[in-house]
PDB file of N, CA and C in Angstrom:
ATOM      1  N   UNK A   1     -15.065 -49.521  63.971  1.00  0.00           N
ATOM      2  CA  UNK A   1     -16.488 -49.306  64.118  1.00  0.00           C
ATOM      3  C   UNK A   1     -16.714 -48.003  64.871  1.00  0.00           C
ATOM      4  N   UNK A   2     -17.562 -47.162  64.324  1.00  0.00           N
ATOM      5  CA  UNK A   2     -17.885 -45.925  65.019  1.00  0.00           C
ATOM      6  C   UNK A   2     -19.356 -45.942  65.389  1.00  0.00           C
ATOM      7  N   UNK A   3     -19.676 -45.235  66.424  1.00  0.00           N
ATOM      8  CA  UNK A   3     -21.058 -45.183  66.869  1.00  0.00           C
ATOM      9  C   UNK A   3     -21.116 -45.118  68.375  1.00  0.00           C
ATOM     10  N   UNK A   4     -22.274 -45.441  68.897  1.00  0.00           N
ATOM     11  CA  UNK A   4     -22.497 -45.399  70.336  1.00  0.00           C
ATOM     12  C   UNK A   4     -23.003 -46.760  70.785  1.00  0.00           C
ATOM     13  N   UNK A   5     -22.389 -47.287  71.824  1.00  0.00           N
ATOM     14  CA  UNK A   5     -22.862 -48.541  72.401  1.00  0.00           C
ATOM     15  C   UNK A   5     -23.976 -48.214  73.387  1.00  0.00           C
ATOM     16  N   UNK A   6     -25.119 -48.908  73.262  1.00  0.00           N
ATOM     17  CA  UNK A   6     -26.240 -48.677  74.184  1.00  0.00           C
ATOM     18  C   UNK A   6     -26.582 -49.971  74.903  1.00  0.00           C
ATOM     19  N   UNK A   7     -27.084 -49.835  76.104  1.00  0.00           N
ATOM     20  CA  UNK A   7     -27.529 -50.970  76.895  1.00  0.00           C
ATOM     21  C   UNK A   7     -28.990 -50.727  77.237  1.00  0.00           C
ATOM     22  N   UNK A   8     -29.875 -51.598  76.750  1.00  0.00           N
ATOM     23  CA  UNK A   8     -31.313 -51.425  76.968  1.00  0.00           C
ATOM     24  C   UNK A   8     -31.960 -52.789  77.126  1.00  0.00           C
ATOM     25  N   UNK A   9     -32.734 -52.946  78.192  1.00  0.00           N
ATOM     26  CA  UNK A   9     -33.455 -54.200  78.459  1.00  0.00           C
ATOM     27  C   UNK A   9     -32.517 -55.411  78.464  1.00  0.00           C
ATOM     28  N   UNK A  10     -31.335 -55.242  79.021  1.00  0.00           N
ATOM     29  CA  UNK A  10     -30.406 -56.358  79.140  1.00  0.00           C
ATOM     30  C   UNK A  10     -29.644 -56.692  77.877  1.00  0.00           C
ATOM     31  N   UNK A  11     -29.757 -55.860  76.836  1.00  0.00           N
ATOM     32  CA  UNK A  11     -29.072 -56.126  75.570  1.00  0.00           C
ATOM     33  C   UNK A  11     -28.162 -54.953  75.247  1.00  0.00           C
ATOM     34  N   UNK A  12     -26.931 -55.259  74.864  1.00  0.00           N
ATOM     35  CA  UNK A  12     -25.998 -54.215  74.452  1.00  0.00           C
ATOM     36  C   UNK A  12     -25.881 -54.270  72.935  1.00  0.00           C
ATOM     37  N   UNK A  13     -25.885 -53.084  72.309  1.00  0.00           N
ATOM     38  CA  UNK A  13     -25.771 -53.055  70.860  1.00  0.00           C
ATOM     39  C   UNK A  13     -25.105 -51.766  70.414  1.00  0.00           C
ATOM     40  N   UNK A  14     -24.577 -51.788  69.191  1.00  0.00           N
ATOM     41  CA  UNK A  14     -23.912 -50.637  68.606  1.00  0.00           C
ATOM     42  C   UNK A  14     -24.915 -49.870  67.751  1.00  0.00           C
ATOM     43  N   UNK A  15     -25.101 -48.603  68.065  1.00  0.00           N
ATOM     44  CA  UNK A  15     -25.948 -47.726  67.260  1.00  0.00           C
ATOM     45  C   UNK A  15     -24.999 -46.866  66.439  1.00  0.00           C
ATOM     46  N   UNK A  16     -24.981 -47.088  65.112  1.00  0.00           N
ATOM     47  CA  UNK A  16     -24.003 -46.409  64.264  1.00  0.00           C
ATOM     48  C   UNK A  16     -24.335 -44.953  64.017  1.00  0.00           C
ATOM     49  N   UNK A  17     -25.608 -44.595  64.014  1.00  0.00           N
ATOM     50  CA  UNK A  17     -26.003 -43.208  63.805  1.00  0.00           C
ATOM     51  C   UNK A  17     -27.116 -42.884  64.794  1.00  0.00           C
ATOM     52  N   UNK A  18     -26.787 -42.542  66.032  1.00  0.00           N
ATOM     53  CA  UNK A  18     -27.809 -42.374  67.066  1.00  0.00           C
ATOM     54  C   UNK A  18     -28.816 -41.265  66.774  1.00  0.00           C
ATOM     55  N   UNK A  19     -28.411 -40.193  66.073  1.00  0.00           N
ATOM     56  CA  UNK A  19     -29.368 -39.131  65.748  1.00  0.00           C
ATOM     57  C   UNK A  19     -30.442 -39.626  64.786  1.00  0.00           C
ATOM     58  N   UNK A  20     -30.061 -40.433  63.824  1.00  0.00           N
ATOM     59  CA  UNK A  20     -31.031 -40.946  62.854  1.00  0.00           C
ATOM     60  C   UNK A  20     -32.035 -41.866  63.523  1.00  0.00           C
ATOM     61  N   UNK A  21     -31.581 -42.652  64.494  1.00  0.00           N
ATOM     62  CA  UNK A  21     -32.486 -43.597  65.146  1.00  0.00           C
ATOM     63  C   UNK A  21     -33.545 -42.895  65.989  1.00  0.00           C
ATOM     64  N   UNK A  22     -33.201 -41.790  66.607  1.00  0.00           N
ATOM     65  CA  UNK A  22     -34.156 -41.118  67.485  1.00  0.00           C
ATOM     66  C   UNK A  22     -35.107 -40.210  66.724  1.00  0.00           C
ATOM     67  N   UNK A  23     -34.714 -39.731  65.536  1.00  0.00           N
ATOM     68  CA  UNK A  23     -35.561 -38.784  64.823  1.00  0.00           C
ATOM     69  C   UNK A  23     -36.171 -39.356  63.552  1.00  0.00           C
ATOM     70  N   UNK A  24     -36.034 -40.626  63.318  1.00  0.00           N
ATOM     71  CA  UNK A  24     -36.521 -41.237  62.095  1.00  0.00           C
ATOM     72  C   UNK A  24     -38.044 -41.363  62.111  1.00  0.00           C
ATOM     73  N   UNK A  25     -38.672 -40.731  61.138  1.00  0.00           N
ATOM     74  CA  UNK A  25     -40.115 -40.861  60.969  1.00  0.00           C
ATOM     75  C   UNK A  25     -40.355 -41.625  59.680  1.00  0.00           C
ATOM     76  N   UNK A  26     -41.425 -42.360  59.637  1.00  0.00           N
ATOM     77  CA  UNK A  26     -41.725 -43.203  58.493  1.00  0.00           C
ATOM     78  C   UNK A  26     -42.970 -42.688  57.774  1.00  0.00           C
ATOM     79  N   UNK A  27     -43.057 -43.034  56.494  1.00  0.00           N
ATOM     80  CA  UNK A  27     -44.226 -42.702  55.691  1.00  0.00           C
ATOM     81  C   UNK A  27     -44.576 -43.910  54.837  1.00  0.00           C
ATOM     82  N   UNK A  28     -45.859 -44.162  54.675  1.00  0.00           N
ATOM     83  CA  UNK A  28     -46.344 -45.238  53.806  1.00  0.00           C
ATOM     84  C   UNK A  28     -46.554 -44.648  52.421  1.00  0.00           C
ATOM     85  N   UNK A  29     -45.891 -45.237  51.426  1.00  0.00           N
ATOM     86  CA  UNK A  29     -45.957 -44.729  50.060  1.00  0.00           C
ATOM     87  C   UNK A  29     -46.684 -45.733  49.181  1.00  0.00           C
ATOM     88  N   UNK A  30     -47.653 -45.245  48.405  1.00  0.00           N
ATOM     89  CA  UNK A  30     -48.353 -46.063  47.412  1.00  0.00           C
ATOM     90  C   UNK A  30     -47.492 -46.036  46.150  1.00  0.00           C
ATOM     91  N   UNK A  31     -46.852 -47.159  45.835  1.00  0.00           N
ATOM     92  CA  UNK A  31     -45.863 -47.198  44.759  1.00  0.00           C
ATOM     93  C   UNK A  31     -46.417 -46.861  43.371  1.00  0.00           C
ATOM     94  N   UNK A  32     -47.590 -47.385  42.957  1.00  0.00           N
ATOM     95  CA  UNK A  32     -48.062 -47.048  41.612  1.00  0.00           C
ATOM     96  C   UNK A  32     -48.253 -45.543  41.378  1.00  0.00           C
ATOM     97  N   UNK A  33     -48.680 -44.810  42.409  1.00  0.00           N
ATOM     98  CA  UNK A  33     -48.891 -43.369  42.241  1.00  0.00           C
ATOM     99  C   UNK A  33     -47.719 -42.545  42.757  1.00  0.00           C
ATOM    100  N   UNK A  34     -46.883 -43.145  43.617  1.00  0.00           N
ATOM    101  CA  UNK A  34     -45.769 -42.424  44.214  1.00  0.00           C
ATOM    102  C   UNK A  34     -46.180 -41.473  45.320  1.00  0.00           C
ATOM    103  N   UNK A  35     -47.444 -41.539  45.758  1.00  0.00           N
ATOM    104  CA  UNK A  35     -47.953 -40.614  46.775  1.00  0.00           C
ATOM    105  C   UNK A  35     -47.832 -41.201  48.176  1.00  0.00           C
ATOM    106  N   UNK A  36     -47.561 -40.323  49.137  1.00  0.00           N
ATOM    107  CA  UNK A  36     -47.538 -40.700  50.542  1.00  0.00           C
ATOM    108  C   UNK A  36     -48.975 -40.779  51.036  1.00  0.00           C
ATOM    109  N   UNK A  37     -49.311 -41.858  51.742  1.00  0.00           N
ATOM    110  CA  UNK A  37     -50.649 -42.008  52.315  1.00  0.00           C
ATOM    111  C   UNK A  37     -50.762 -41.039  53.490  1.00  0.00           C
ATOM    112  N   UNK A  38     -51.653 -40.070  53.363  1.00  0.00           N
ATOM    113  CA  UNK A  38     -51.750 -39.003  54.351  1.00  0.00           C
ATOM    114  C   UNK A  38     -53.040 -39.024  55.153  1.00  0.00           C
ATOM    115  N   UNK A  39     -53.940 -39.962  54.854  1.00  0.00           N
ATOM    116  CA  UNK A  39     -55.199 -40.048  55.604  1.00  0.00           C
ATOM    117  C   UNK A  39     -55.799 -41.437  55.435  1.00  0.00           C
ATOM    118  N   UNK A  40     -56.716 -41.756  56.328  1.00  0.00           N
ATOM    119  CA  UNK A  40     -57.398 -43.049  56.208  1.00  0.00           C
ATOM    120  C   UNK A  40     -58.327 -43.070  55.006  1.00  0.00           C
ATOM    121  N   UNK A  41     -58.887 -41.942  54.631  1.00  0.00           N
ATOM    122  CA  UNK A  41     -59.760 -41.937  53.457  1.00  0.00           C
ATOM    123  C   UNK A  41     -58.960 -42.274  52.201  1.00  0.00           C
ATOM    124  N   UNK A  42     -57.747 -41.755  52.107  1.00  0.00           N
ATOM    125  CA  UNK A  42     -56.872 -42.090  50.977  1.00  0.00           C
ATOM    126  C   UNK A  42     -56.499 -43.561  51.001  1.00  0.00           C
ATOM    127  N   UNK A  43     -56.135 -44.068  52.182  1.00  0.00           N
ATOM    128  CA  UNK A  43     -55.773 -45.479  52.319  1.00  0.00           C
ATOM    129  C   UNK A  43     -56.961 -46.376  51.992  1.00  0.00           C
ATOM    130  N   UNK A  44     -58.145 -46.014  52.472  1.00  0.00           N
ATOM    131  CA  UNK A  44     -59.342 -46.819  52.203  1.00  0.00           C
ATOM    132  C   UNK A  44     -59.626 -46.891  50.705  1.00  0.00           C
ATOM    133  N   UNK A  45     -59.470 -45.790  50.004  1.00  0.00           N
ATOM    134  CA  UNK A  45     -59.699 -45.777  48.554  1.00  0.00           C
ATOM    135  C   UNK A  45     -58.737 -46.717  47.840  1.00  0.00           C
ATOM    136  N   UNK A  46     -57.468 -46.693  48.234  1.00  0.00           N
ATOM    137  CA  UNK A  46     -56.470 -47.568  47.615  1.00  0.00           C
ATOM    138  C   UNK A  46     -56.749 -49.028  47.942  1.00  0.00           C
ATOM    139  N   UNK A  47     -56.999 -49.329  49.227  1.00  0.00           N
ATOM    140  CA  UNK A  47     -57.248 -50.720  49.628  1.00  0.00           C
ATOM    141  C   UNK A  47     -58.514 -51.275  48.987  1.00  0.00           C
ATOM    142  N   UNK A  48     -59.541 -50.459  48.866  1.00  0.00           N
ATOM    143  CA  UNK A  48     -60.785 -50.901  48.213  1.00  0.00           C
ATOM    144  C   UNK A  48     -60.505 -51.288  46.766  1.00  0.00           C
ATOM    145  N   UNK A  49     -59.676 -50.513  46.098  1.00  0.00           N
ATOM    146  CA  UNK A  49     -59.295 -50.832  44.722  1.00  0.00           C
ATOM    147  C   UNK A  49     -58.495 -52.118  44.602  1.00  0.00           C
ATOM    148  N   UNK A  50     -57.887 -52.551  45.698  1.00  0.00           N
ATOM    149  CA  UNK A  50     -57.108 -53.795  45.717  1.00  0.00           C
ATOM    150  C   UNK A  50     -57.927 -54.997  46.199  1.00  0.00           C
ATOM    151  N   UNK A  51     -59.225 -54.783  46.438  1.00  0.00           N
ATOM    152  CA  UNK A  51     -60.087 -55.890  46.853  1.00  0.00           C
ATOM    153  C   UNK A  51     -60.322 -56.000  48.347  1.00  0.00           C
ATOM    154  N   UNK A  52     -59.820 -55.061  49.131  1.00  0.00           N
ATOM    155  CA  UNK A  52     -60.058 -55.058  50.575  1.00  0.00           C
ATOM    156  C   UNK A  52     -61.402 -54.410  50.856  1.00  0.00           C
ATOM    157  N   UNK A  53     -62.058 -54.861  51.901  1.00  0.00           N
ATOM    158  CA  UNK A  53     -63.340 -54.298  52.323  1.00  0.00           C
ATOM    159  C   UNK A  53     -63.256 -53.869  53.773  1.00  0.00           C
ATOM    160  N   UNK A  54     -64.022 -52.832  54.120  1.00  0.00           N
ATOM    161  CA  UNK A  54     -64.079 -52.439  55.530  1.00  0.00           C
ATOM    162  C   UNK A  54     -64.716 -53.559  56.321  1.00  0.00           C
ATOM    163  N   UNK A  55     -64.186 -53.799  57.501  1.00  0.00           N
ATOM    164  CA  UNK A  55     -64.699 -54.827  58.400  1.00  0.00           C
ATOM    165  C   UNK A  55     -65.221 -54.119  59.642  1.00  0.00           C
ATOM    166  N   UNK A  56     -66.509 -54.291  59.905  1.00  0.00           N
ATOM    167  CA  UNK A  56     -67.153 -53.595  61.018  1.00  0.00           C
ATOM    168  C   UNK A  56     -67.457 -54.512  62.197  1.00  0.00           C
ATOM    169  N   UNK A  57     -67.088 -55.780  62.128  1.00  0.00           N
ATOM    170  CA  UNK A  57     -67.448 -56.743  63.152  1.00  0.00           C
ATOM    171  C   UNK A  57     -66.509 -56.807  64.342  1.00  0.00           C
ATOM    172  N   UNK A  58     -65.452 -56.038  64.339  1.00  0.00           N
ATOM    173  CA  UNK A  58     -64.459 -56.125  65.397  1.00  0.00           C
ATOM    174  C   UNK A  58     -64.563 -55.002  66.406  1.00  0.00           C
ATOM    175  N   UNK A  59     -63.444 -54.648  66.942  1.00  0.00           N
ATOM    176  CA  UNK A  59     -63.314 -53.606  67.954  1.00  0.00           C
ATOM    177  C   UNK A  59     -63.690 -52.243  67.356  1.00  0.00           C
ATOM    178  N   UNK A  60     -64.614 -51.502  67.985  1.00  0.00           N
ATOM    179  CA  UNK A  60     -65.011 -50.195  67.435  1.00  0.00           C
ATOM    180  C   UNK A  60     -63.890 -49.151  67.487  1.00  0.00           C
ATOM    181  N   UNK A  61     -62.836 -49.406  68.261  1.00  0.00           N
ATOM    182  CA  UNK A  61     -61.707 -48.478  68.333  1.00  0.00           C
ATOM    183  C   UNK A  61     -60.681 -48.724  67.225  1.00  0.00           C
ATOM    184  N   UNK A  62     -60.971 -49.687  66.353  1.00  0.00           N
ATOM    185  CA  UNK A  62     -60.050 -50.014  65.268  1.00  0.00           C
ATOM    186  C   UNK A  62     -60.692 -49.751  63.911  1.00  0.00           C
ATOM    187  N   UNK A  63     -59.870 -49.383  62.967  1.00  0.00           N
ATOM    188  CA  UNK A  63     -60.250 -49.206  61.570  1.00  0.00           C
ATOM    189  C   UNK A  63     -59.739 -50.461  60.880  1.00  0.00           C
ATOM    190  N   UNK A  64     -60.647 -51.348  60.412  1.00  0.00           N
ATOM    191  CA  UNK A  64     -60.214 -52.660  59.936  1.00  0.00           C
ATOM    192  C   UNK A  64     -60.645 -52.937  58.496  1.00  0.00           C
ATOM    193  N   UNK A  65     -59.824 -53.755  57.815  1.00  0.00           N
ATOM    194  CA  UNK A  65     -60.090 -54.188  56.454  1.00  0.00           C
ATOM    195  C   UNK A  65     -59.847 -55.683  56.360  1.00  0.00           C
ATOM    196  N   UNK A  66     -60.621 -56.353  55.501  1.00  0.00           N
ATOM    197  CA  UNK A  66     -60.402 -57.775  55.240  1.00  0.00           C
ATOM    198  C   UNK A  66     -60.605 -58.046  53.763  1.00  0.00           C
ATOM    199  N   UNK A  67     -60.073 -59.184  53.322  1.00  0.00           N
ATOM    200  CA  UNK A  67     -60.264 -59.653  51.953  1.00  0.00           C
ATOM    201  C   UNK A  67     -61.062 -60.927  52.007  1.00  0.00           C
ATOM    202  N   UNK A  68     -62.062 -61.030  51.181  1.00  0.00           N
ATOM    203  CA  UNK A  68     -62.880 -62.249  51.153  1.00  0.00           C
ATOM    204  C   UNK A  68     -62.073 -63.465  50.721  1.00  0.00           C
ATOM    205  N   UNK A  69     -61.066 -63.246  49.888  1.00  0.00           N
ATOM    206  CA  UNK A  69     -60.275 -64.352  49.343  1.00  0.00           C
ATOM    207  C   UNK A  69     -59.178 -64.844  50.291  1.00  0.00           C
ATOM    208  N   UNK A  70     -59.064 -64.257  51.484  1.00  0.00           N
ATOM    209  CA  UNK A  70     -58.014 -64.680  52.402  1.00  0.00           C
ATOM    210  C   UNK A  70     -58.471 -64.519  53.846  1.00  0.00           C
ATOM    211  N   UNK A  71     -57.620 -64.942  54.753  1.00  0.00           N
ATOM    212  CA  UNK A  71     -57.929 -64.776  56.175  1.00  0.00           C
ATOM    213  C   UNK A  71     -57.273 -63.524  56.742  1.00  0.00           C
ATOM    214  N   UNK A  72     -56.612 -62.748  55.878  1.00  0.00           N
ATOM    215  CA  UNK A  72     -55.903 -61.552  56.329  1.00  0.00           C
ATOM    216  C   UNK A  72     -56.860 -60.488  56.849  1.00  0.00           C
ATOM    217  N   UNK A  73     -56.418 -59.804  57.888  1.00  0.00           N
ATOM    218  CA  UNK A  73     -57.150 -58.686  58.473  1.00  0.00           C
ATOM    219  C   UNK A  73     -56.142 -57.587  58.780  1.00  0.00           C
ATOM    220  N   UNK A  74     -56.434 -56.388  58.312  1.00  0.00           N
ATOM    221  CA  UNK A  74     -55.602 -55.228  58.627  1.00  0.00           C
ATOM    222  C   UNK A  74     -56.324 -54.450  59.707  1.00  0.00           C
ATOM    223  N   UNK A  75     -55.696 -54.276  60.855  1.00  0.00           N
ATOM    224  CA  UNK A  75     -56.270 -53.531  61.975  1.00  0.00           C
ATOM    225  C   UNK A  75     -55.411 -52.311  62.248  1.00  0.00           C
ATOM    226  N   UNK A  76     -56.050 -51.148  62.238  1.00  0.00           N
ATOM    227  CA  UNK A  76     -55.355 -49.881  62.423  1.00  0.00           C
ATOM    228  C   UNK A  76     -56.021 -49.098  63.543  1.00  0.00           C
ATOM    229  N   UNK A  77     -55.270 -48.262  64.248  1.00  0.00           N
ATOM    230  CA  UNK A  77     -55.905 -47.441  65.280  1.00  0.00           C
ATOM    231  C   UNK A  77     -56.881 -46.463  64.632  1.00  0.00           C
ATOM    232  N   UNK A  78     -57.992 -46.181  65.291  1.00  0.00           N
ATOM    233  CA  UNK A  78     -58.989 -45.295  64.691  1.00  0.00           C
ATOM    234  C   UNK A  78     -58.474 -43.870  64.528  1.00  0.00           C
ATOM    235  N   UNK A  79     -57.480 -43.485  65.303  1.00  0.00           N
ATOM    236  CA  UNK A  79     -56.877 -42.162  65.226  1.00  0.00           C
ATOM    237  C   UNK A  79     -55.651 -42.221  64.305  1.00  0.00           C
ATOM    238  N   UNK A  80     -55.704 -41.513  63.172  1.00  0.00           N
ATOM    239  CA  UNK A  80     -54.615 -41.568  62.195  1.00  0.00           C
ATOM    240  C   UNK A  80     -53.287 -41.078  62.774  1.00  0.00           C
ATOM    241  N   UNK A  81     -53.323 -40.219  63.779  1.00  0.00           N
ATOM    242  CA  UNK A  81     -52.075 -39.726  64.376  1.00  0.00           C
ATOM    243  C   UNK A  81     -51.316 -40.842  65.096  1.00  0.00           C
ATOM    244  N   UNK A  82     -51.974 -41.955  65.390  1.00  0.00           N
ATOM    245  CA  UNK A  82     -51.328 -43.112  66.031  1.00  0.00           C
ATOM    246  C   UNK A  82     -50.885 -44.164  65.018  1.00  0.00           C
ATOM    247  N   UNK A  83     -51.076 -43.880  63.741  1.00  0.00           N
ATOM    248  CA  UNK A  83     -50.682 -44.764  62.648  1.00  0.00           C
ATOM    249  C   UNK A  83     -49.162 -44.706  62.535  1.00  0.00           C
ATOM    250  N   UNK A  84     -48.475 -45.796  62.896  1.00  0.00           N
ATOM    251  CA  UNK A  84     -47.012 -45.790  62.913  1.00  0.00           C
ATOM    252  C   UNK A  84     -46.447 -46.901  62.029  1.00  0.00           C
ATOM    253  N   UNK A  85     -45.135 -47.076  62.070  1.00  0.00           N
ATOM    254  CA  UNK A  85     -44.464 -48.010  61.162  1.00  0.00           C
ATOM    255  C   UNK A  85     -44.902 -49.461  61.353  1.00  0.00           C
ATOM    256  N   UNK A  86     -45.313 -49.847  62.542  1.00  0.00           N
ATOM    257  CA  UNK A  86     -45.779 -51.223  62.766  1.00  0.00           C
ATOM    258  C   UNK A  86     -46.996 -51.506  61.873  1.00  0.00           C
ATOM    259  N   UNK A  87     -47.934 -50.582  61.829  1.00  0.00           N
ATOM    260  CA  UNK A  87     -49.126 -50.738  61.001  1.00  0.00           C
ATOM    261  C   UNK A  87     -48.774 -50.625  59.513  1.00  0.00           C
ATOM    262  N   UNK A  88     -47.823 -49.740  59.204  1.00  0.00           N
ATOM    263  CA  UNK A  88     -47.408 -49.576  57.804  1.00  0.00           C
ATOM    264  C   UNK A  88     -46.806 -50.867  57.257  1.00  0.00           C
ATOM    265  N   UNK A  89     -45.928 -51.492  58.040  1.00  0.00           N
ATOM    266  CA  UNK A  89     -45.302 -52.734  57.573  1.00  0.00           C
ATOM    267  C   UNK A  89     -46.324 -53.866  57.450  1.00  0.00           C
ATOM    268  N   UNK A  90     -47.350 -53.863  58.284  1.00  0.00           N
ATOM    269  CA  UNK A  90     -48.418 -54.859  58.162  1.00  0.00           C
ATOM    270  C   UNK A  90     -49.109 -54.712  56.807  1.00  0.00           C
ATOM    271  N   UNK A  91     -49.368 -53.481  56.400  1.00  0.00           N
ATOM    272  CA  UNK A  91     -49.996 -53.221  55.098  1.00  0.00           C
ATOM    273  C   UNK A  91     -49.066 -53.638  53.967  1.00  0.00           C
ATOM    274  N   UNK A  92     -47.777 -53.330  54.089  1.00  0.00           N
ATOM    275  CA  UNK A  92     -46.801 -53.691  53.057  1.00  0.00           C
ATOM    276  C   UNK A  92     -46.731 -55.195  52.877  1.00  0.00           C
ATOM    277  N   UNK A  93     -46.696 -55.940  53.970  1.00  0.00           N
ATOM    278  CA  UNK A  93     -46.588 -57.411  53.889  1.00  0.00           C
ATOM    279  C   UNK A  93     -47.832 -58.025  53.236  1.00  0.00           C
ATOM    280  N   UNK A  94     -48.982 -57.458  53.516  1.00  0.00           N
ATOM    281  CA  UNK A  94     -50.232 -58.016  52.980  1.00  0.00           C
ATOM    282  C   UNK A  94     -50.553 -57.510  51.577  1.00  0.00           C
ATOM    283  N   UNK A  95     -49.774 -56.557  51.083  1.00  0.00           N
ATOM    284  CA  UNK A  95     -49.951 -56.012  49.734  1.00  0.00           C
ATOM    285  C   UNK A  95     -48.583 -55.836  49.070  1.00  0.00           C
ATOM    286  N   UNK A  96     -47.924 -56.939  48.741  1.00  0.00           N
ATOM    287  CA  UNK A  96     -46.570 -56.836  48.181  1.00  0.00           C
ATOM    288  C   UNK A  96     -46.554 -56.055  46.865  1.00  0.00           C
ATOM    289  N   UNK A  97     -45.506 -55.277  46.676  1.00  0.00           N
ATOM    290  CA  UNK A  97     -45.268 -54.479  45.458  1.00  0.00           C
ATOM    291  C   UNK A  97     -46.271 -53.343  45.247  1.00  0.00           C
ATOM    292  N   UNK A  98     -47.082 -53.045  46.264  1.00  0.00           N
ATOM    293  CA  UNK A  98     -48.048 -51.949  46.157  1.00  0.00           C
ATOM    294  C   UNK A  98     -47.670 -50.801  47.074  1.00  0.00           C
ATOM    295  N   UNK A  99     -47.155 -51.131  48.249  1.00  0.00           N
ATOM    296  CA  UNK A  99     -46.790 -50.120  49.235  1.00  0.00           C
ATOM    297  C   UNK A  99     -45.324 -50.281  49.633  1.00  0.00           C
ATOM    298  N   UNK A 100     -44.771 -49.196  50.161  1.00  0.00           N
ATOM    299  CA  UNK A 100     -43.396 -49.196  50.650  1.00  0.00           C
ATOM    300  C   UNK A 100     -43.329 -48.233  51.820  1.00  0.00           C
ATOM    301  N   UNK A 101     -42.506 -48.552  52.818  1.00  0.00           N
ATOM    302  CA  UNK A 101     -42.302 -47.651  53.964  1.00  0.00           C
ATOM    303  C   UNK A 101     -40.963 -46.955  53.758  1.00  0.00           C
ATOM    304  N   UNK A 102     -40.995 -45.622  53.835  1.00  0.00           N
ATOM    305  CA  UNK A 102     -39.786 -44.818  53.641  1.00  0.00           C
ATOM    306  C   UNK A 102     -39.559 -43.897  54.820  1.00  0.00           C
ATOM    307  N   UNK A 103     -38.292 -43.548  55.034  1.00  0.00           N
ATOM    308  CA  UNK A 103     -37.958 -42.524  56.035  1.00  0.00           C
ATOM    309  C   UNK A 103     -38.333 -41.163  55.464  1.00  0.00           C
ATOM    310  N   UNK A 104     -38.807 -40.294  56.351  1.00  0.00           N
ATOM    311  CA  UNK A 104     -39.144 -38.931  55.901  1.00  0.00           C
ATOM    312  C   UNK A 104     -38.152 -37.937  56.445  1.00  0.00           C
TER     313      UNK A 104
END
């Protein structure tokens, strides 16, 4: 086994490629078009086409979407620069086979 052993928060683990882990950036890809989602306006257009609606009843610091046919709610930071892989995976899980998260 090659790599670097790290100790963080009481857990020891083997990091096989430490450079990749520290510099890995993610992108949300819309699979039908093959395009990377680069703005909330682009994401809103895609989600609206999938039956999602903007939800204005929550926190004003969040950009939110809901579907009438489900209890799902997508909550995103209002600043797109804070849009990270946690939010991307939430979108992927709630829209299977439509989105994918890739390393850039």
